[in-house]
């Protein structure tokens, strides 16, 4: 679905943000891009919808080179929810905000009404239908921005720091929703610092540092290897840290989420190995 070939990108102020990035993301894949501030994560994903064009190299989305099509054309396939929702919200009401792109893409009025109601209900925003987005909390505005993208059902969904401003309940709803989209073969890419959220989602993880990819693999492998995480200055998830210390008691080392940890501990108790 996405192919990045030896991409370099330099901002007008001379900052070289990407340095020879190459990767492939398959259709229906769930990928988390991680790294410290300034690692190049957001710069990279902005190449996936044409907001940025490579200084050198090329990016193909669904087989089409991004430099040869407009951002508007790519937007139909690639939905992007920014880290700061205020950069993409401007309508007078939540309902108008979610309907805006649907109208621009030429959806029929009856379809627009159904898609808007579906997206608002999905993200718990129905009661704010007639409210100004700017009267809502930061977390609620984030959900409005997400609803406005989900409404047109893009093939690729990019979420930049989706858990910022969300409580645990909303994070769990987001996790469940991402898993539903994955089951529908949507391509999902998240940019995040939230290592605990990534651990519970268990996607493919790409670690970046100083404009380069320093690791790429399964979350279970990446997030339980301190030597790899150190390259991107990321601390292992709490569950992983605990099980690494329990490995001397014959517990597995590569446990990263609370759901698997619970099953392992319950099984150990049932077998009488832990009291």
C-alpha atoms as a PDB file:
ATOM      1  CA  UNK A   1       0.000   0.000   0.000  1.00  0.00           C
ATOM      2  CA  UNK A   2       2.887   2.386   0.825  1.00  0.00           C
ATOM      3  CA  UNK A   3       6.421   2.182  -0.507  1.00  0.00           C
ATOM      4  CA  UNK A   4       9.201   4.566   0.511  1.00  0.00           C
ATOM      5  CA  UNK A   5      12.396   4.374  -1.529  1.00  0.00           C
ATOM      6  CA  UNK A   6      15.581   5.997  -0.159  1.00  0.00           C
ATOM      7  CA  UNK A   7      13.775   9.183   0.886  1.00  0.00           C
ATOM      8  CA  UNK A   8      15.590  12.272   2.099  1.00  0.00           C
ATOM      9  CA  UNK A   9      13.805  15.435   3.170  1.00  0.00           C
ATOM     10  CA  UNK A  10      15.270  18.815   4.100  1.00  0.00           C
ATOM     11  CA  UNK A  11      13.143  21.689   5.414  1.00  0.00           C
ATOM     12  CA  UNK A  12      13.643  25.192   3.959  1.00  0.00           C
ATOM     13  CA  UNK A  13      15.590  26.195   7.089  1.00  0.00           C
ATOM     14  CA  UNK A  14      18.196  23.540   6.250  1.00  0.00           C
ATOM     15  CA  UNK A  15      17.158  20.911   8.821  1.00  0.00           C
ATOM     16  CA  UNK A  16      17.584  17.447   7.307  1.00  0.00           C
ATOM     17  CA  UNK A  17      14.627  15.567   8.806  1.00  0.00           C
ATOM     18  CA  UNK A  18      14.774  12.309   6.844  1.00  0.00           C
ATOM     19  CA  UNK A  19      17.994  10.570   5.846  1.00  0.00           C
ATOM     20  CA  UNK A  20      17.646   7.655   3.449  1.00  0.00           C
ATOM     21  CA  UNK A  21      14.352   6.152   4.635  1.00  0.00           C
ATOM     22  CA  UNK A  22      13.200   2.976   2.886  1.00  0.00           C
ATOM     23  CA  UNK A  23      10.217   0.869   3.956  1.00  0.00           C
ATOM     24  CA  UNK A  24       7.121  -0.926   2.732  1.00  0.00           C
ATOM     25  CA  UNK A  25       3.739  -1.040   4.447  1.00  0.00           C
ATOM     26  CA  UNK A  26       1.352  -3.709   3.208  1.00  0.00           C
ATOM     27  CA  UNK A  27      -2.378  -3.402   2.685  1.00  0.00           C
ATOM     28  CA  UNK A  28      -4.183  -4.078   5.971  1.00  0.00           C
ATOM     29  CA  UNK A  29      -1.056  -3.686   8.100  1.00  0.00           C
ATOM     30  CA  UNK A  30      -1.055  -1.939  11.482  1.00  0.00           C
ATOM     31  CA  UNK A  31       2.141   0.030  12.113  1.00  0.00           C
ATOM     32  CA  UNK A  32       3.315   2.178  15.033  1.00  0.00           C
ATOM     33  CA  UNK A  33       6.091   4.681  14.316  1.00  0.00           C
ATOM     34  CA  UNK A  34       7.952   5.613  17.489  1.00  0.00           C
ATOM     35  CA  UNK A  35      10.872   7.764  18.559  1.00  0.00           C
ATOM     36  CA  UNK A  36      11.719  10.914  20.484  1.00  0.00           C
ATOM     37  CA  UNK A  37      10.747  14.442  19.420  1.00  0.00           C
ATOM     38  CA  UNK A  38      12.674  15.429  16.312  1.00  0.00           C
ATOM     39  CA  UNK A  39      13.207  11.843  15.171  1.00  0.00           C
ATOM     40  CA  UNK A  40      11.331  12.504  11.911  1.00  0.00           C
ATOM     41  CA  UNK A  41       8.137  10.548  12.610  1.00  0.00           C
ATOM     42  CA  UNK A  42       5.565  13.172  11.622  1.00  0.00           C
ATOM     43  CA  UNK A  43       7.717  14.366   8.731  1.00  0.00           C
ATOM     44  CA  UNK A  44       7.718  10.817   7.391  1.00  0.00           C
ATOM     45  CA  UNK A  45       3.958  10.241   7.574  1.00  0.00           C
ATOM     46  CA  UNK A  46       3.231  13.634   5.981  1.00  0.00           C
ATOM     47  CA  UNK A  47       4.870  12.144   2.887  1.00  0.00           C
ATOM     48  CA  UNK A  48       2.164   9.466   2.800  1.00  0.00           C
ATOM     49  CA  UNK A  49      -0.593  11.926   1.896  1.00  0.00           C
ATOM     50  CA  UNK A  50       1.520  14.323  -0.140  1.00  0.00           C
ATOM     51  CA  UNK A  51       1.654  17.172   2.391  1.00  0.00           C
ATOM     52  CA  UNK A  52       5.431  16.907   2.014  1.00  0.00           C
ATOM     53  CA  UNK A  53       7.363  15.815  -1.082  1.00  0.00           C
ATOM     54  CA  UNK A  54      10.768  14.098  -0.919  1.00  0.00           C
ATOM     55  CA  UNK A  55      13.882  16.176  -1.466  1.00  0.00           C
ATOM     56  CA  UNK A  56      15.351  12.960  -2.853  1.00  0.00           C
ATOM     57  CA  UNK A  57      13.880   9.490  -3.407  1.00  0.00           C
ATOM     58  CA  UNK A  58      10.210   8.660  -3.935  1.00  0.00           C
ATOM     59  CA  UNK A  59       7.034   7.630  -2.133  1.00  0.00           C
ATOM     60  CA  UNK A  60       4.302   5.511  -3.713  1.00  0.00           C
ATOM     61  CA  UNK A  61       0.808   5.156  -2.262  1.00  0.00           C
ATOM     62  CA  UNK A  62      -1.303   2.364  -3.716  1.00  0.00           C
ATOM     63  CA  UNK A  63       1.130   2.228  -6.634  1.00  0.00           C
ATOM     64  CA  UNK A  64       1.007   5.960  -7.413  1.00  0.00           C
ATOM     65  CA  UNK A  65       3.981   8.279  -6.877  1.00  0.00           C
ATOM     66  CA  UNK A  66       2.944  11.110  -4.571  1.00  0.00           C
ATOM     67  CA  UNK A  67       4.733  13.805  -6.603  1.00  0.00           C
ATOM     68  CA  UNK A  68       2.488  13.036  -9.582  1.00  0.00           C
ATOM     69  CA  UNK A  69      -0.901  13.553  -7.912  1.00  0.00           C
ATOM     70  CA  UNK A  70      -2.496  16.302  -5.840  1.00  0.00           C
ATOM     71  CA  UNK A  71      -2.908  16.251  -2.070  1.00  0.00           C
ATOM     72  CA  UNK A  72      -6.681  16.301  -2.652  1.00  0.00           C
ATOM     73  CA  UNK A  73      -6.470  13.113  -4.715  1.00  0.00           C
ATOM     74  CA  UNK A  74      -4.367  11.370  -2.083  1.00  0.00           C
ATOM     75  CA  UNK A  75      -6.720  12.560   0.671  1.00  0.00           C
ATOM     76  CA  UNK A  76      -9.485  10.366  -0.711  1.00  0.00           C
ATOM     77  CA  UNK A  77      -7.328   7.312   0.083  1.00  0.00           C
ATOM     78  CA  UNK A  78      -5.321   8.600   3.040  1.00  0.00           C
ATOM     79  CA  UNK A  79      -7.058   9.996   6.124  1.00  0.00           C
ATOM     80  CA  UNK A  80      -4.766  12.002   8.425  1.00  0.00           C
ATOM     81  CA  UNK A  81      -5.653  12.992  12.003  1.00  0.00           C
ATOM     82  CA  UNK A  82      -3.135  15.543  13.236  1.00  0.00           C
ATOM     83  CA  UNK A  83      -1.614  15.682  16.710  1.00  0.00           C
ATOM     84  CA  UNK A  84      -3.223  19.064  17.343  1.00  0.00           C
ATOM     85  CA  UNK A  85      -6.888  18.825  16.257  1.00  0.00           C
ATOM     86  CA  UNK A  86      -7.208  22.629  16.129  1.00  0.00           C
ATOM     87  CA  UNK A  87      -5.153  22.635  12.926  1.00  0.00           C
ATOM     88  CA  UNK A  88      -7.938  20.827  11.059  1.00  0.00           C
ATOM     89  CA  UNK A  89     -11.143  22.012  12.758  1.00  0.00           C
ATOM     90  CA  UNK A  90     -12.924  25.112  11.461  1.00  0.00           C
ATOM     91  CA  UNK A  91     -16.678  24.457  11.068  1.00  0.00           C
ATOM     92  CA  UNK A  92     -19.348  26.053  13.271  1.00  0.00           C
ATOM     93  CA  UNK A  93     -20.710  22.753  14.603  1.00  0.00           C
ATOM     94  CA  UNK A  94     -19.410  19.234  15.158  1.00  0.00           C
ATOM     95  CA  UNK A  95     -21.963  17.940  12.664  1.00  0.00           C
ATOM     96  CA  UNK A  96     -20.758  20.340   9.947  1.00  0.00           C
ATOM     97  CA  UNK A  97     -17.151  19.420  10.674  1.00  0.00           C
ATOM     98  CA  UNK A  98     -17.746  15.705  10.159  1.00  0.00           C
ATOM     99  CA  UNK A  99     -19.839  16.351   7.036  1.00  0.00           C
ATOM    100  CA  UNK A 100     -17.384  18.757   5.390  1.00  0.00           C
ATOM    101  CA  UNK A 101     -15.106  16.267   3.611  1.00  0.00           C
ATOM    102  CA  UNK A 102     -18.043  14.088   2.605  1.00  0.00           C
ATOM    103  CA  UNK A 103     -19.592  17.067   0.803  1.00  0.00           C
ATOM    104  CA  UNK A 104     -16.277  17.892  -0.866  1.00  0.00           C
ATOM    105  CA  UNK A 105     -15.916  14.317  -2.079  1.00  0.00           C
ATOM    106  CA  UNK A 106     -19.386  14.448  -3.628  1.00  0.00           C
ATOM    107  CA  UNK A 107     -21.287  12.020  -1.400  1.00  0.00           C
ATOM    108  CA  UNK A 108     -25.072  12.160  -1.697  1.00  0.00           C
ATOM    109  CA  UNK A 109     -27.001  13.955   1.053  1.00  0.00           C
ATOM    110  CA  UNK A 110     -28.649  10.809   2.444  1.00  0.00           C
ATOM    111  CA  UNK A 111     -25.270   9.056   2.590  1.00  0.00           C
ATOM    112  CA  UNK A 112     -23.717  12.066   4.324  1.00  0.00           C
ATOM    113  CA  UNK A 113     -26.380  12.027   7.041  1.00  0.00           C
ATOM    114  CA  UNK A 114     -25.862   8.311   7.664  1.00  0.00           C
ATOM    115  CA  UNK A 115     -22.060   8.551   7.717  1.00  0.00           C
ATOM    116  CA  UNK A 116     -22.094  11.572  10.053  1.00  0.00           C
ATOM    117  CA  UNK A 117     -24.465   9.875  12.510  1.00  0.00           C
ATOM    118  CA  UNK A 118     -22.395   6.685  12.384  1.00  0.00           C
ATOM    119  CA  UNK A 119     -19.112   8.497  13.097  1.00  0.00           C
ATOM    120  CA  UNK A 120     -20.563  10.629  15.905  1.00  0.00           C
ATOM    121  CA  UNK A 121     -22.127   7.603  17.577  1.00  0.00           C
ATOM    122  CA  UNK A 122     -18.953   5.568  17.197  1.00  0.00           C
ATOM    123  CA  UNK A 123     -16.839   8.137  19.020  1.00  0.00           C
ATOM    124  CA  UNK A 124     -19.414   9.154  21.627  1.00  0.00           C
ATOM    125  CA  UNK A 125     -20.016  12.609  20.157  1.00  0.00           C
ATOM    126  CA  UNK A 126     -23.718  12.494  19.316  1.00  0.00           C
ATOM    127  CA  UNK A 127     -24.666  14.834  22.165  1.00  0.00           C
ATOM    128  CA  UNK A 128     -22.293  17.468  20.724  1.00  0.00           C
ATOM    129  CA  UNK A 129     -23.773  17.370  17.207  1.00  0.00           C
ATOM    130  CA  UNK A 130     -24.879  21.053  17.278  1.00  0.00           C
ATOM    131  CA  UNK A 131     -21.997  22.263  19.478  1.00  0.00           C
ATOM    132  CA  UNK A 132     -18.996  24.247  18.232  1.00  0.00           C
ATOM    133  CA  UNK A 133     -15.896  22.023  18.197  1.00  0.00           C
ATOM    134  CA  UNK A 134     -13.993  24.803  19.948  1.00  0.00           C
ATOM    135  CA  UNK A 135     -16.302  24.570  22.963  1.00  0.00           C
ATOM    136  CA  UNK A 136     -15.126  21.002  23.596  1.00  0.00           C
ATOM    137  CA  UNK A 137     -12.163  19.691  25.588  1.00  0.00           C
ATOM    138  CA  UNK A 138      -8.898  18.819  23.884  1.00  0.00           C
ATOM    139  CA  UNK A 139      -9.661  15.104  23.994  1.00  0.00           C
ATOM    140  CA  UNK A 140     -13.149  15.647  22.577  1.00  0.00           C
ATOM    141  CA  UNK A 141     -11.787  17.821  19.756  1.00  0.00           C
ATOM    142  CA  UNK A 142      -9.359  15.018  18.973  1.00  0.00           C
ATOM    143  CA  UNK A 143     -12.307  12.649  18.604  1.00  0.00           C
ATOM    144  CA  UNK A 144     -14.133  15.137  16.350  1.00  0.00           C
ATOM    145  CA  UNK A 145     -11.082  15.270  14.079  1.00  0.00           C
ATOM    146  CA  UNK A 146     -10.985  11.478  14.001  1.00  0.00           C
ATOM    147  CA  UNK A 147     -14.721  11.267  13.252  1.00  0.00           C
ATOM    148  CA  UNK A 148     -14.346  13.728  10.376  1.00  0.00           C
ATOM    149  CA  UNK A 149     -11.756  11.437   8.775  1.00  0.00           C
ATOM    150  CA  UNK A 150     -13.424   8.109   9.512  1.00  0.00           C
ATOM    151  CA  UNK A 151     -16.674   9.357   7.964  1.00  0.00           C
ATOM    152  CA  UNK A 152     -15.347   9.075   4.415  1.00  0.00           C
ATOM    153  CA  UNK A 153     -13.858   5.611   4.997  1.00  0.00           C
ATOM    154  CA  UNK A 154     -10.291   6.040   3.644  1.00  0.00           C
ATOM    155  CA  UNK A 155      -8.146   3.008   2.777  1.00  0.00           C
ATOM    156  CA  UNK A 156      -5.285   4.308   4.914  1.00  0.00           C
ATOM    157  CA  UNK A 157      -5.671   5.946   8.331  1.00  0.00           C
ATOM    158  CA  UNK A 158      -2.807   7.926   9.883  1.00  0.00           C
ATOM    159  CA  UNK A 159      -3.132   8.979  13.535  1.00  0.00           C
ATOM    160  CA  UNK A 160      -0.531  11.362  14.940  1.00  0.00           C
ATOM    161  CA  UNK A 161      -0.340  10.964  18.747  1.00  0.00           C
ATOM    162  CA  UNK A 162      -3.959   9.700  19.005  1.00  0.00           C
ATOM    163  CA  UNK A 163      -3.884   9.011  22.764  1.00  0.00           C
ATOM    164  CA  UNK A 164      -2.898  12.520  23.899  1.00  0.00           C
ATOM    165  CA  UNK A 165      -5.721  13.988  25.990  1.00  0.00           C
ATOM    166  CA  UNK A 166      -7.609  10.674  26.166  1.00  0.00           C
ATOM    167  CA  UNK A 167      -8.382   8.887  29.429  1.00  0.00           C
ATOM    168  CA  UNK A 168      -7.954   5.131  29.844  1.00  0.00           C
ATOM    169  CA  UNK A 169     -11.537   4.387  28.808  1.00  0.00           C
ATOM    170  CA  UNK A 170     -11.176   6.361  25.574  1.00  0.00           C
ATOM    171  CA  UNK A 171      -7.802   4.746  24.881  1.00  0.00           C
ATOM    172  CA  UNK A 172      -9.385   1.319  25.236  1.00  0.00           C
ATOM    173  CA  UNK A 173     -12.197   2.308  22.870  1.00  0.00           C
ATOM    174  CA  UNK A 174      -9.582   3.528  20.390  1.00  0.00           C
ATOM    175  CA  UNK A 175      -7.661   0.255  20.707  1.00  0.00           C
ATOM    176  CA  UNK A 176     -10.790  -1.800  20.088  1.00  0.00           C
ATOM    177  CA  UNK A 177     -11.718   0.373  17.124  1.00  0.00           C
ATOM    178  CA  UNK A 178      -8.259   0.055  15.573  1.00  0.00           C
ATOM    179  CA  UNK A 179      -8.502  -3.721  15.897  1.00  0.00           C
ATOM    180  CA  UNK A 180     -11.899  -3.607  14.159  1.00  0.00           C
ATOM    181  CA  UNK A 181     -10.422  -1.578  11.306  1.00  0.00           C
ATOM    182  CA  UNK A 182      -7.525  -4.004  11.069  1.00  0.00           C
ATOM    183  CA  UNK A 183     -10.014  -6.880  10.738  1.00  0.00           C
ATOM    184  CA  UNK A 184     -11.551  -4.941   7.834  1.00  0.00           C
ATOM    185  CA  UNK A 185      -8.124  -4.833   6.133  1.00  0.00           C
ATOM    186  CA  UNK A 186      -7.624  -1.098   6.641  1.00  0.00           C
ATOM    187  CA  UNK A 187      -4.040   0.115   6.673  1.00  0.00           C
ATOM    188  CA  UNK A 188      -3.446   1.902   9.990  1.00  0.00           C
ATOM    189  CA  UNK A 189      -0.401   3.958  10.938  1.00  0.00           C
ATOM    190  CA  UNK A 190       0.005   5.640  14.302  1.00  0.00           C
ATOM    191  CA  UNK A 191       2.737   8.030  15.387  1.00  0.00           C
ATOM    192  CA  UNK A 192       3.082   7.876  19.149  1.00  0.00           C
ATOM    193  CA  UNK A 193       5.192   8.159  22.291  1.00  0.00           C
ATOM    194  CA  UNK A 194       2.676   6.037  24.206  1.00  0.00           C
ATOM    195  CA  UNK A 195       4.599   2.800  24.654  1.00  0.00           C
ATOM    196  CA  UNK A 196       1.912   1.303  26.912  1.00  0.00           C
ATOM    197  CA  UNK A 197      -0.772   1.822  24.242  1.00  0.00           C
ATOM    198  CA  UNK A 198       1.471   0.283  21.577  1.00  0.00           C
ATOM    199  CA  UNK A 199       2.142  -2.706  23.824  1.00  0.00           C
ATOM    200  CA  UNK A 200      -1.573  -3.376  24.237  1.00  0.00           C
ATOM    201  CA  UNK A 201      -2.188  -3.030  20.483  1.00  0.00           C
ATOM    202  CA  UNK A 202       0.820  -5.192  19.472  1.00  0.00           C
ATOM    203  CA  UNK A 203       1.418  -3.790  15.943  1.00  0.00           C
ATOM    204  CA  UNK A 204       4.520  -3.740  13.786  1.00  0.00           C
ATOM    205  CA  UNK A 205       6.858  -1.154  15.316  1.00  0.00           C
ATOM    206  CA  UNK A 206       9.212   1.164  13.436  1.00  0.00           C
ATOM    207  CA  UNK A 207      11.695   3.011  15.654  1.00  0.00           C
ATOM    208  CA  UNK A 208      13.231   6.245  14.387  1.00  0.00           C
ATOM    209  CA  UNK A 209      16.125   8.358  15.560  1.00  0.00           C
ATOM    210  CA  UNK A 210      17.596  11.479  13.953  1.00  0.00           C
ATOM    211  CA  UNK A 211      15.796  10.937  10.657  1.00  0.00           C
ATOM    212  CA  UNK A 212      16.682   7.266  10.280  1.00  0.00           C
ATOM    213  CA  UNK A 213      15.007   3.941  11.006  1.00  0.00           C
ATOM    214  CA  UNK A 214      16.950   2.138  13.725  1.00  0.00           C
ATOM    215  CA  UNK A 215      14.640  -0.868  14.193  1.00  0.00           C
ATOM    216  CA  UNK A 216      11.644  -2.426  12.448  1.00  0.00           C
ATOM    217  CA  UNK A 217       9.797  -5.520  13.639  1.00  0.00           C
ATOM    218  CA  UNK A 218       7.043  -7.032  15.747  1.00  0.00           C
ATOM    219  CA  UNK A 219       6.123  -5.118  18.896  1.00  0.00           C
ATOM    220  CA  UNK A 220       6.771  -8.200  21.019  1.00  0.00           C
ATOM    221  CA  UNK A 221      10.379  -8.300  19.803  1.00  0.00           C
ATOM    222  CA  UNK A 222      11.105  -4.571  19.736  1.00  0.00           C
ATOM    223  CA  UNK A 223       9.502  -3.617  23.066  1.00  0.00           C
ATOM    224  CA  UNK A 224      11.155  -6.391  25.065  1.00  0.00           C
ATOM    225  CA  UNK A 225      14.699  -5.680  23.907  1.00  0.00           C
ATOM    226  CA  UNK A 226      16.187  -2.810  25.953  1.00  0.00           C
ATOM    227  CA  UNK A 227      19.238  -2.631  23.679  1.00  0.00           C
ATOM    228  CA  UNK A 228      16.993  -1.797  20.717  1.00  0.00           C
ATOM    229  CA  UNK A 229      14.776   0.633  22.646  1.00  0.00           C
ATOM    230  CA  UNK A 230      17.819   2.488  23.943  1.00  0.00           C
ATOM    231  CA  UNK A 231      18.668   3.478  20.374  1.00  0.00           C
ATOM    232  CA  UNK A 232      15.466   5.531  20.266  1.00  0.00           C
ATOM    233  CA  UNK A 233      15.535   6.531  23.968  1.00  0.00           C
ATOM    234  CA  UNK A 234      12.321   4.613  24.726  1.00  0.00           C
ATOM    235  CA  UNK A 235      11.580   2.862  28.018  1.00  0.00           C
ATOM    236  CA  UNK A 236      10.047  -0.664  27.806  1.00  0.00           C
ATOM    237  CA  UNK A 237       6.378  -1.063  28.796  1.00  0.00           C
ATOM    238  CA  UNK A 238       5.820  -1.699  32.500  1.00  0.00           C
ATOM    239  CA  UNK A 239       4.579  -5.258  31.902  1.00  0.00           C
ATOM    240  CA  UNK A 240       7.679  -6.025  29.841  1.00  0.00           C
ATOM    241  CA  UNK A 241       9.919  -4.694  32.603  1.00  0.00           C
ATOM    242  CA  UNK A 242       8.178  -6.902  35.178  1.00  0.00           C
ATOM    243  CA  UNK A 243       8.395 -10.069  33.102  1.00  0.00           C
ATOM    244  CA  UNK A 244      12.027  -9.439  32.238  1.00  0.00           C
ATOM    245  CA  UNK A 245      12.701  -9.506  35.982  1.00  0.00           C
ATOM    246  CA  UNK A 246      10.534 -12.625  36.417  1.00  0.00           C
ATOM    247  CA  UNK A 247      12.397 -14.538  33.708  1.00  0.00           C
ATOM    248  CA  UNK A 248      14.634 -16.073  36.393  1.00  0.00           C
ATOM    249  CA  UNK A 249      11.481 -17.821  37.668  1.00  0.00           C
ATOM    250  CA  UNK A 250      10.865 -19.401  34.251  1.00  0.00           C
ATOM    251  CA  UNK A 251       8.338 -16.779  33.106  1.00  0.00           C
ATOM    252  CA  UNK A 252       8.597 -15.751  29.429  1.00  0.00           C
ATOM    253  CA  UNK A 253      10.575 -12.574  28.698  1.00  0.00           C
ATOM    254  CA  UNK A 254       8.578 -11.290  25.745  1.00  0.00           C
ATOM    255  CA  UNK A 255       5.291 -10.333  27.424  1.00  0.00           C
ATOM    256  CA  UNK A 256       4.186  -6.798  26.586  1.00  0.00           C
ATOM    257  CA  UNK A 257       0.481  -6.410  27.371  1.00  0.00           C
ATOM    258  CA  UNK A 258      -1.740  -6.838  30.411  1.00  0.00           C
ATOM    259  CA  UNK A 259      -4.079  -9.289  28.687  1.00  0.00           C
ATOM    260  CA  UNK A 260      -1.375 -11.864  27.996  1.00  0.00           C
ATOM    261  CA  UNK A 261       0.185 -11.261  31.423  1.00  0.00           C
ATOM    262  CA  UNK A 262      -3.135 -11.997  33.101  1.00  0.00           C
ATOM    263  CA  UNK A 263      -3.531 -15.297  31.234  1.00  0.00           C
ATOM    264  CA  UNK A 264       0.007 -16.395  32.070  1.00  0.00           C
ATOM    265  CA  UNK A 265      -0.418 -15.605  35.761  1.00  0.00           C
ATOM    266  CA  UNK A 266      -3.831 -17.311  35.979  1.00  0.00           C
ATOM    267  CA  UNK A 267      -2.455 -20.399  34.258  1.00  0.00           C
ATOM    268  CA  UNK A 268       0.489 -20.470  36.665  1.00  0.00           C
ATOM    269  CA  UNK A 269      -1.880 -20.274  39.629  1.00  0.00           C
ATOM    270  CA  UNK A 270      -4.132 -23.032  38.244  1.00  0.00           C
ATOM    271  CA  UNK A 271      -1.132 -25.300  37.795  1.00  0.00           C
ATOM    272  CA  UNK A 272      -0.059 -24.661  41.370  1.00  0.00           C
ATOM    273  CA  UNK A 273       3.225 -23.066  40.400  1.00  0.00           C
ATOM    274  CA  UNK A 274       2.353 -19.748  42.026  1.00  0.00           C
ATOM    275  CA  UNK A 275       0.599 -19.228  45.362  1.00  0.00           C
END
